[in-house]
Amino acid sequence: MAARLKLDLHDIYNRGEEIDRALRKVMDEAVRVKASTVEIIPGKGSGQLKKRVLRFLEQKEVKALYHRVEKDSDNWGRLWVHFRWK
């Protein structure tokens, strides 16, 4: 079974460069281990962190890595990034 990774951003919610580094690191790790999904938890808060995560995921070079993003309908403080490997 493919790996599932998790990134909780609660501890670094207000440190922009650390957020970007953490997102890059988890995406690189997902590619390395061919993960099926990455769960990203920006938390609920004001929604600014979630918007930042979505902007990161929309970058052309990042978007090329994954298949789709799913927003949790029950918990809007959580996203899943799904990968499809051949």
PDB file of N, CA and C in Angstrom:
ATOM      1  N   MET A   1       0.848  -1.196   0.000  1.00  0.00           N
ATOM      2  CA  MET A   1       0.000   0.000   0.000  1.00  0.00           C
ATOM      3  C   MET A   1       0.887   1.251   0.000  1.00  0.00           C
ATOM      4  N   ALA A   2       0.492   2.228  -0.755  1.00  0.00           N
ATOM      5  CA  ALA A   2       1.274   3.463  -0.876  1.00  0.00           C
ATOM      6  C   ALA A   2       1.237   4.255   0.425  1.00  0.00           C
ATOM      7  N   ALA A   3       2.285   4.993   0.644  1.00  0.00           N
ATOM      8  CA  ALA A   3       2.410   5.787   1.868  1.00  0.00           C
ATOM      9  C   ALA A   3       1.424   6.952   1.871  1.00  0.00           C
ATOM     10  N   ARG A   4       1.052   7.345   3.081  1.00  0.00           N
ATOM     11  CA  ARG A   4       0.235   8.544   3.277  1.00  0.00           C
ATOM     12  C   ARG A   4       1.031   9.452   4.199  1.00  0.00           C
ATOM     13  N   LEU A   5       1.189  10.684   3.792  1.00  0.00           N
ATOM     14  CA  LEU A   5       1.960  11.634   4.590  1.00  0.00           C
ATOM     15  C   LEU A   5       1.031  12.675   5.185  1.00  0.00           C
ATOM     16  N   LYS A   6       1.507  13.309   6.252  1.00  0.00           N
ATOM     17  CA  LYS A   6       0.698  14.311   6.939  1.00  0.00           C
ATOM     18  C   LYS A   6       1.580  15.499   7.305  1.00  0.00           C
ATOM     19  N   LEU A   7       1.047  16.695   7.097  1.00  0.00           N
ATOM     20  CA  LEU A   7       1.751  17.926   7.467  1.00  0.00           C
ATOM     21  C   LEU A   7       0.790  18.805   8.247  1.00  0.00           C
ATOM     22  N   ASP A   8       1.102  19.022   9.507  1.00  0.00           N
ATOM     23  CA  ASP A   8       0.293  19.883  10.374  1.00  0.00           C
ATOM     24  C   ASP A   8       1.020  21.221  10.501  1.00  0.00           C
ATOM     25  N   LEU A   9       0.370  22.291  10.056  1.00  0.00           N
ATOM     26  CA  LEU A   9       1.004  23.614  10.038  1.00  0.00           C
ATOM     27  C   LEU A   9       0.673  24.467  11.261  1.00  0.00           C
ATOM     28  N   HIS A  10       0.007  23.898  12.253  1.00  0.00           N
ATOM     29  CA  HIS A  10      -0.381  24.683  13.430  1.00  0.00           C
ATOM     30  C   HIS A  10       0.802  25.385  14.104  1.00  0.00           C
ATOM     31  N   ASP A  11       1.922  24.678  14.242  1.00  0.00           N
ATOM     32  CA  ASP A  11       3.058  25.232  14.983  1.00  0.00           C
ATOM     33  C   ASP A  11       3.775  26.361  14.259  1.00  0.00           C
ATOM     34  N   ILE A  12       3.644  26.428  12.931  1.00  0.00           N
ATOM     35  CA  ILE A  12       4.385  27.457  12.174  1.00  0.00           C
ATOM     36  C   ILE A  12       3.440  28.357  11.379  1.00  0.00           C
ATOM     37  N   TYR A  13       2.191  28.462  11.815  1.00  0.00           N
ATOM     38  CA  TYR A  13       1.159  29.174  11.060  1.00  0.00           C
ATOM     39  C   TYR A  13       1.526  30.612  10.700  1.00  0.00           C
ATOM     40  N   ASN A  14       2.409  31.240  11.485  1.00  0.00           N
ATOM     41  CA  ASN A  14       2.719  32.658  11.257  1.00  0.00           C
ATOM     42  C   ASN A  14       4.135  32.878  10.739  1.00  0.00           C
ATOM     43  N   ARG A  15       4.788  31.834  10.251  1.00  0.00           N
ATOM     44  CA  ARG A  15       6.166  31.959   9.759  1.00  0.00           C
ATOM     45  C   ARG A  15       6.218  31.538   8.297  1.00  0.00           C
ATOM     46  N   GLY A  16       6.044  32.518   7.427  1.00  0.00           N
ATOM     47  CA  GLY A  16       5.894  32.286   5.991  1.00  0.00           C
ATOM     48  C   GLY A  16       6.952  31.416   5.345  1.00  0.00           C
ATOM     49  N   GLU A  17       8.223  31.727   5.575  1.00  0.00           N
ATOM     50  CA  GLU A  17       9.281  30.946   4.925  1.00  0.00           C
ATOM     51  C   GLU A  17       9.290  29.508   5.425  1.00  0.00           C
ATOM     52  N   GLU A  18       9.029  29.313   6.700  1.00  0.00           N
ATOM     53  CA  GLU A  18       8.981  27.947   7.243  1.00  0.00           C
ATOM     54  C   GLU A  18       7.814  27.165   6.648  1.00  0.00           C
ATOM     55  N   ILE A  19       6.705  27.845   6.420  1.00  0.00           N
ATOM     56  CA  ILE A  19       5.536  27.195   5.813  1.00  0.00           C
ATOM     57  C   ILE A  19       5.900  26.707   4.419  1.00  0.00           C
ATOM     58  N   ASP A  20       6.519  27.585   3.623  1.00  0.00           N
ATOM     59  CA  ASP A  20       6.907  27.202   2.266  1.00  0.00           C
ATOM     60  C   ASP A  20       7.901  26.040   2.284  1.00  0.00           C
ATOM     61  N   ARG A  21       8.870  26.094   3.193  1.00  0.00           N
ATOM     62  CA  ARG A  21       9.859  25.012   3.301  1.00  0.00           C
ATOM     63  C   ARG A  21       9.184  23.687   3.668  1.00  0.00           C
ATOM     64  N   ALA A  22       8.262  23.749   4.630  1.00  0.00           N
ATOM     65  CA  ALA A  22       7.559  22.540   5.075  1.00  0.00           C
ATOM     66  C   ALA A  22       6.717  21.951   3.937  1.00  0.00           C
ATOM     67  N   LEU A  23       6.059  22.816   3.171  1.00  0.00           N
ATOM     68  CA  LEU A  23       5.250  22.344   2.045  1.00  0.00           C
ATOM     69  C   LEU A  23       6.134  21.708   0.976  1.00  0.00           C
ATOM     70  N   ARG A  24       7.242  22.360   0.654  1.00  0.00           N
ATOM     71  CA  ARG A  24       8.175  21.799  -0.343  1.00  0.00           C
ATOM     72  C   ARG A  24       8.724  20.455   0.125  1.00  0.00           C
ATOM     73  N   LYS A  25       9.077  20.388   1.409  1.00  0.00           N
ATOM     74  CA  LYS A  25       9.651  19.161   1.952  1.00  0.00           C
ATOM     75  C   LYS A  25       8.654  17.999   1.875  1.00  0.00           C
ATOM     76  N   VAL A  26       7.402  18.248   2.250  1.00  0.00           N
ATOM     77  CA  VAL A  26       6.419  17.154   2.239  1.00  0.00           C
ATOM     78  C   VAL A  26       6.095  16.737   0.804  1.00  0.00           C
ATOM     79  N   MET A  27       6.072  17.682  -0.130  1.00  0.00           N
ATOM     80  CA  MET A  27       5.813  17.330  -1.532  1.00  0.00           C
ATOM     81  C   MET A  27       6.990  16.522  -2.102  1.00  0.00           C
ATOM     82  N   ASP A  28       8.208  16.938  -1.778  1.00  0.00           N
ATOM     83  CA  ASP A  28       9.395  16.182  -2.225  1.00  0.00           C
ATOM     84  C   ASP A  28       9.381  14.768  -1.657  1.00  0.00           C
ATOM     85  N   GLU A  29       9.030  14.661  -0.383  1.00  0.00           N
ATOM     86  CA  GLU A  29       8.965  13.348   0.268  1.00  0.00           C
ATOM     87  C   GLU A  29       7.885  12.476  -0.375  1.00  0.00           C
ATOM     88  N   ALA A  30       6.735  13.086  -0.705  1.00  0.00           N
ATOM     89  CA  ALA A  30       5.648  12.341  -1.344  1.00  0.00           C
ATOM     90  C   ALA A  30       6.100  11.763  -2.681  1.00  0.00           C
ATOM     91  N   VAL A  31       6.844  12.557  -3.444  1.00  0.00           N
ATOM     92  CA  VAL A  31       7.360  12.080  -4.726  1.00  0.00           C
ATOM     93  C   VAL A  31       8.385  10.964  -4.485  1.00  0.00           C
ATOM     94  N   ARG A  32       9.257  11.170  -3.522  1.00  0.00           N
ATOM     95  CA  ARG A  32      10.322  10.197  -3.245  1.00  0.00           C
ATOM     96  C   ARG A  32       9.763   8.820  -2.872  1.00  0.00           C
ATOM     97  N   VAL A  33       8.730   8.803  -1.997  1.00  0.00           N
ATOM     98  CA  VAL A  33       8.179   7.518  -1.535  1.00  0.00           C
ATOM     99  C   VAL A  33       6.949   7.082  -2.331  1.00  0.00           C
ATOM    100  N   LYS A  34       6.604   7.875  -3.357  1.00  0.00           N
ATOM    101  CA  LYS A  34       5.411   7.617  -4.171  1.00  0.00           C
ATOM    102  C   LYS A  34       4.162   7.500  -3.283  1.00  0.00           C
ATOM    103  N   ALA A  35       3.945   8.514  -2.477  1.00  0.00           N
ATOM    104  CA  ALA A  35       2.796   8.536  -1.567  1.00  0.00           C
ATOM    105  C   ALA A  35       1.490   8.608  -2.354  1.00  0.00           C
ATOM    106  N   SER A  36       0.445   8.032  -1.791  1.00  0.00           N
ATOM    107  CA  SER A  36      -0.870   8.118  -2.433  1.00  0.00           C
ATOM    108  C   SER A  36      -1.534   9.448  -2.094  1.00  0.00           C
ATOM    109  N   THR A  37      -1.356   9.907  -0.846  1.00  0.00           N
ATOM    110  CA  THR A  37      -1.946  11.181  -0.440  1.00  0.00           C
ATOM    111  C   THR A  37      -1.056  11.890   0.571  1.00  0.00           C
ATOM    112  N   VAL A  38      -1.213  13.201   0.591  1.00  0.00           N
ATOM    113  CA  VAL A  38      -0.616  14.019   1.636  1.00  0.00           C
ATOM    114  C   VAL A  38      -1.772  14.786   2.273  1.00  0.00           C
ATOM    115  N   GLU A  39      -1.898  14.639   3.575  1.00  0.00           N
ATOM    116  CA  GLU A  39      -2.907  15.392   4.328  1.00  0.00           C
ATOM    117  C   GLU A  39      -2.215  16.638   4.848  1.00  0.00           C
ATOM    118  N   ILE A  40      -2.761  17.808   4.507  1.00  0.00           N
ATOM    119  CA  ILE A  40      -2.207  19.076   4.975  1.00  0.00           C
ATOM    120  C   ILE A  40      -3.238  19.716   5.887  1.00  0.00           C
ATOM    121  N   ILE A  41      -2.801  20.072   7.095  1.00  0.00           N
ATOM    122  CA  ILE A  41      -3.702  20.667   8.084  1.00  0.00           C
ATOM    123  C   ILE A  41      -3.272  22.109   8.347  1.00  0.00           C
ATOM    124  N   PRO A  42      -3.895  23.065   7.646  1.00  0.00           N
ATOM    125  CA  PRO A  42      -3.599  24.460   7.935  1.00  0.00           C
ATOM    126  C   PRO A  42      -4.379  24.954   9.152  1.00  0.00           C
ATOM    127  N   GLY A  43      -5.394  24.225   9.552  1.00  0.00           N
ATOM    128  CA  GLY A  43      -6.243  24.653  10.662  1.00  0.00           C
ATOM    129  C   GLY A  43      -7.334  25.575  10.163  1.00  0.00           C
ATOM    130  N   LYS A  44      -8.253  25.888  11.029  1.00  0.00           N
ATOM    131  CA  LYS A  44      -9.412  26.683  10.615  1.00  0.00           C
ATOM    132  C   LYS A  44      -9.096  28.174  10.645  1.00  0.00           C
ATOM    133  N   GLY A  45      -8.791  28.719  11.772  1.00  0.00           N
ATOM    134  CA  GLY A  45      -8.394  30.123  11.883  1.00  0.00           C
ATOM    135  C   GLY A  45      -9.144  31.069  10.968  1.00  0.00           C
ATOM    136  N   SER A  46      -8.419  32.035  10.409  1.00  0.00           N
ATOM    137  CA  SER A  46      -9.033  33.037   9.540  1.00  0.00           C
ATOM    138  C   SER A  46      -9.143  32.556   8.097  1.00  0.00           C
ATOM    139  N   GLY A  47      -8.485  31.451   7.780  1.00  0.00           N
ATOM    140  CA  GLY A  47      -8.498  30.941   6.417  1.00  0.00           C
ATOM    141  C   GLY A  47      -7.319  31.414   5.588  1.00  0.00           C
ATOM    142  N   GLN A  48      -6.505  32.320   6.133  1.00  0.00           N
ATOM    143  CA  GLN A  48      -5.363  32.849   5.378  1.00  0.00           C
ATOM    144  C   GLN A  48      -4.309  31.777   5.115  1.00  0.00           C
ATOM    145  N   LEU A  49      -4.056  30.924   6.092  1.00  0.00           N
ATOM    146  CA  LEU A  49      -3.054  29.873   5.919  1.00  0.00           C
ATOM    147  C   LEU A  49      -3.511  28.868   4.865  1.00  0.00           C
ATOM    148  N   LYS A  50      -4.789  28.527   4.886  1.00  0.00           N
ATOM    149  CA  LYS A  50      -5.317  27.605   3.879  1.00  0.00           C
ATOM    150  C   LYS A  50      -5.171  28.216   2.489  1.00  0.00           C
ATOM    151  N   LYS A  51      -5.441  29.515   2.363  1.00  0.00           N
ATOM    152  CA  LYS A  51      -5.281  30.197   1.071  1.00  0.00           C
ATOM    153  C   LYS A  51      -3.824  30.159   0.629  1.00  0.00           C
ATOM    154  N   ARG A  52      -2.921  30.334   1.567  1.00  0.00           N
ATOM    155  CA  ARG A  52      -1.490  30.286   1.246  1.00  0.00           C
ATOM    156  C   ARG A  52      -1.100  28.899   0.734  1.00  0.00           C
ATOM    157  N   VAL A  53      -1.612  27.857   1.404  1.00  0.00           N
ATOM    158  CA  VAL A  53      -1.328  26.482   0.990  1.00  0.00           C
ATOM    159  C   VAL A  53      -1.873  26.246  -0.416  1.00  0.00           C
ATOM    160  N   LEU A  54      -3.088  26.687  -0.680  1.00  0.00           N
ATOM    161  CA  LEU A  54      -3.689  26.491  -2.002  1.00  0.00           C
ATOM    162  C   LEU A  54      -2.906  27.245  -3.075  1.00  0.00           C
ATOM    163  N   ARG A  55      -2.427  28.460  -2.752  1.00  0.00           N
ATOM    164  CA  ARG A  55      -1.592  29.215  -3.708  1.00  0.00           C
ATOM    165  C   ARG A  55      -0.298  28.457  -3.989  1.00  0.00           C
ATOM    166  N   PHE A  56       0.299  27.887  -2.947  1.00  0.00           N
ATOM    167  CA  PHE A  56       1.510  27.080  -3.122  1.00  0.00           C
ATOM    168  C   PHE A  56       1.224  25.912  -4.077  1.00  0.00           C
ATOM    169  N   LEU A  57       0.114  25.218  -3.842  1.00  0.00           N
ATOM    170  CA  LEU A  57      -0.221  24.046  -4.644  1.00  0.00           C
ATOM    171  C   LEU A  57      -0.557  24.402  -6.093  1.00  0.00           C
ATOM    172  N   GLU A  58      -0.957  25.648  -6.344  1.00  0.00           N
ATOM    173  CA  GLU A  58      -1.311  26.095  -7.688  1.00  0.00           C
ATOM    174  C   GLU A  58      -0.092  26.474  -8.528  1.00  0.00           C
ATOM    175  N   GLN A  59       1.081  26.589  -7.909  1.00  0.00           N
ATOM    176  CA  GLN A  59       2.282  26.927  -8.672  1.00  0.00           C
ATOM    177  C   GLN A  59       2.517  25.846  -9.721  1.00  0.00           C
ATOM    178  N   LYS A  60       2.884  26.287 -10.914  1.00  0.00           N
ATOM    179  CA  LYS A  60       3.003  25.370 -12.054  1.00  0.00           C
ATOM    180  C   LYS A  60       3.894  24.162 -11.755  1.00  0.00           C
ATOM    181  N   GLU A  61       5.069  24.399 -11.174  1.00  0.00           N
ATOM    182  CA  GLU A  61       6.009  23.294 -10.934  1.00  0.00           C
ATOM    183  C   GLU A  61       5.512  22.352  -9.837  1.00  0.00           C
ATOM    184  N   VAL A  62       4.709  22.868  -8.908  1.00  0.00           N
ATOM    185  CA  VAL A  62       4.151  22.028  -7.840  1.00  0.00           C
ATOM    186  C   VAL A  62       2.955  21.250  -8.375  1.00  0.00           C
ATOM    187  N   LYS A  63       2.114  21.937  -9.140  1.00  0.00           N
ATOM    188  CA  LYS A  63       0.903  21.318  -9.679  1.00  0.00           C
ATOM    189  C   LYS A  63       1.230  20.112 -10.568  1.00  0.00           C
ATOM    190  N   ALA A  64       2.393  20.151 -11.204  1.00  0.00           N
ATOM    191  CA  ALA A  64       2.809  19.038 -12.073  1.00  0.00           C
ATOM    192  C   ALA A  64       3.091  17.763 -11.284  1.00  0.00           C
ATOM    193  N   LEU A  65       3.273  17.875  -9.969  1.00  0.00           N
ATOM    194  CA  LEU A  65       3.640  16.724  -9.144  1.00  0.00           C
ATOM    195  C   LEU A  65       2.446  15.870  -8.729  1.00  0.00           C
ATOM    196  N   TYR A  66       1.264  16.477  -8.590  1.00  0.00           N
ATOM    197  CA  TYR A  66       0.133  15.745  -8.015  1.00  0.00           C
ATOM    198  C   TYR A  66      -1.036  15.650  -8.987  1.00  0.00           C
ATOM    199  N   HIS A  67      -2.000  14.813  -8.608  1.00  0.00           N
ATOM    200  CA  HIS A  67      -3.170  14.569  -9.449  1.00  0.00           C
ATOM    201  C   HIS A  67      -4.306  15.559  -9.140  1.00  0.00           C
ATOM    202  N   ARG A  68      -4.670  15.687  -7.859  1.00  0.00           N
ATOM    203  CA  ARG A  68      -5.762  16.605  -7.499  1.00  0.00           C
ATOM    204  C   ARG A  68      -5.707  16.959  -6.018  1.00  0.00           C
ATOM    205  N   VAL A  69      -6.403  18.054  -5.674  1.00  0.00           N
ATOM    206  CA  VAL A  69      -6.518  18.495  -4.288  1.00  0.00           C
ATOM    207  C   VAL A  69      -7.967  18.324  -3.877  1.00  0.00           C
ATOM    208  N   GLU A  70      -8.164  17.786  -2.691  1.00  0.00           N
ATOM    209  CA  GLU A  70      -9.515  17.591  -2.156  1.00  0.00           C
ATOM    210  C   GLU A  70      -9.640  18.387  -0.863  1.00  0.00           C
ATOM    211  N   LYS A  71     -10.695  19.196  -0.785  1.00  0.00           N
ATOM    212  CA  LYS A  71     -10.980  19.932   0.448  1.00  0.00           C
ATOM    213  C   LYS A  71     -11.940  19.082   1.274  1.00  0.00           C
ATOM    214  N   ASP A  72     -11.637  18.925   2.537  1.00  0.00           N
ATOM    215  CA  ASP A  72     -12.470  18.115   3.431  1.00  0.00           C
ATOM    216  C   ASP A  72     -13.791  18.836   3.677  1.00  0.00           C
ATOM    217  N   SER A  73     -14.887  18.206   3.300  1.00  0.00           N
ATOM    218  CA  SER A  73     -16.196  18.844   3.459  1.00  0.00           C
ATOM    219  C   SER A  73     -16.646  18.869   4.916  1.00  0.00           C
ATOM    220  N   ASP A  74     -16.103  17.984   5.745  1.00  0.00           N
ATOM    221  CA  ASP A  74     -16.481  17.935   7.160  1.00  0.00           C
ATOM    222  C   ASP A  74     -15.577  18.801   8.028  1.00  0.00           C
ATOM    223  N   ASN A  75     -14.344  19.043   7.563  1.00  0.00           N
ATOM    224  CA  ASN A  75     -13.375  19.807   8.354  1.00  0.00           C
ATOM    225  C   ASN A  75     -12.645  20.744   7.414  1.00  0.00           C
ATOM    226  N   TRP A  76     -13.073  21.995   7.314  1.00  0.00           N
ATOM    227  CA  TRP A  76     -12.483  22.897   6.328  1.00  0.00           C
ATOM    228  C   TRP A  76     -11.081  23.358   6.710  1.00  0.00           C
ATOM    229  N   GLY A  77     -10.541  22.843   7.804  1.00  0.00           N
ATOM    230  CA  GLY A  77      -9.161  23.123   8.177  1.00  0.00           C
ATOM    231  C   GLY A  77      -8.208  22.025   7.713  1.00  0.00           C
ATOM    232  N   ARG A  78      -8.652  21.230   6.710  1.00  0.00           N
ATOM    233  CA  ARG A  78      -7.829  20.111   6.240  1.00  0.00           C
ATOM    234  C   ARG A  78      -7.986  19.952   4.727  1.00  0.00           C
ATOM    235  N   LEU A  79      -6.864  19.613   4.074  1.00  0.00           N
ATOM    236  CA  LEU A  79      -6.831  19.346   2.633  1.00  0.00           C
ATOM    237  C   LEU A  79      -6.123  18.020   2.395  1.00  0.00           C
ATOM    238  N   TRP A  80      -6.461  17.369   1.300  1.00  0.00           N
ATOM    239  CA  TRP A  80      -5.719  16.197   0.869  1.00  0.00           C
ATOM    240  C   TRP A  80      -5.183  16.459  -0.529  1.00  0.00           C
ATOM    241  N   VAL A  81      -3.935  16.106  -0.730  1.00  0.00           N
ATOM    242  CA  VAL A  81      -3.319  16.175  -2.053  1.00  0.00           C
ATOM    243  C   VAL A  81      -3.158  14.730  -2.511  1.00  0.00           C
ATOM    244  N   HIS A  82      -3.788  14.404  -3.628  1.00  0.00           N
ATOM    245  CA  HIS A  82      -3.776  13.035  -4.146  1.00  0.00           C
ATOM    246  C   HIS A  82      -2.769  12.919  -5.287  1.00  0.00           C
ATOM    247  N   PHE A  83      -2.057  11.803  -5.292  1.00  0.00           N
ATOM    248  CA  PHE A  83      -1.058  11.528  -6.314  1.00  0.00           C
ATOM    249  C   PHE A  83      -1.481  10.315  -7.110  1.00  0.00           C
ATOM    250  N   ARG A  84      -1.053  10.272  -8.353  1.00  0.00           N
ATOM    251  CA  ARG A  84      -1.322   9.117  -9.213  1.00  0.00           C
ATOM    252  C   ARG A  84       0.020   8.716  -9.825  1.00  0.00           C
ATOM    253  N   TRP A  85       0.431   7.493  -9.549  1.00  0.00           N
ATOM    254  CA  TRP A  85       1.721   7.006 -10.043  1.00  0.00           C
ATOM    255  C   TRP A  85       1.505   5.927 -11.080  1.00  0.00           C
ATOM    256  N   LYS A  86       2.354   5.904 -12.086  1.00  0.00           N
ATOM    257  CA  LYS A  86       2.265   4.889 -13.132  1.00  0.00           C
ATOM    258  C   LYS A  86       3.135   3.700 -12.776  1.00  0.00           C
TER     259      LYS A  86
END
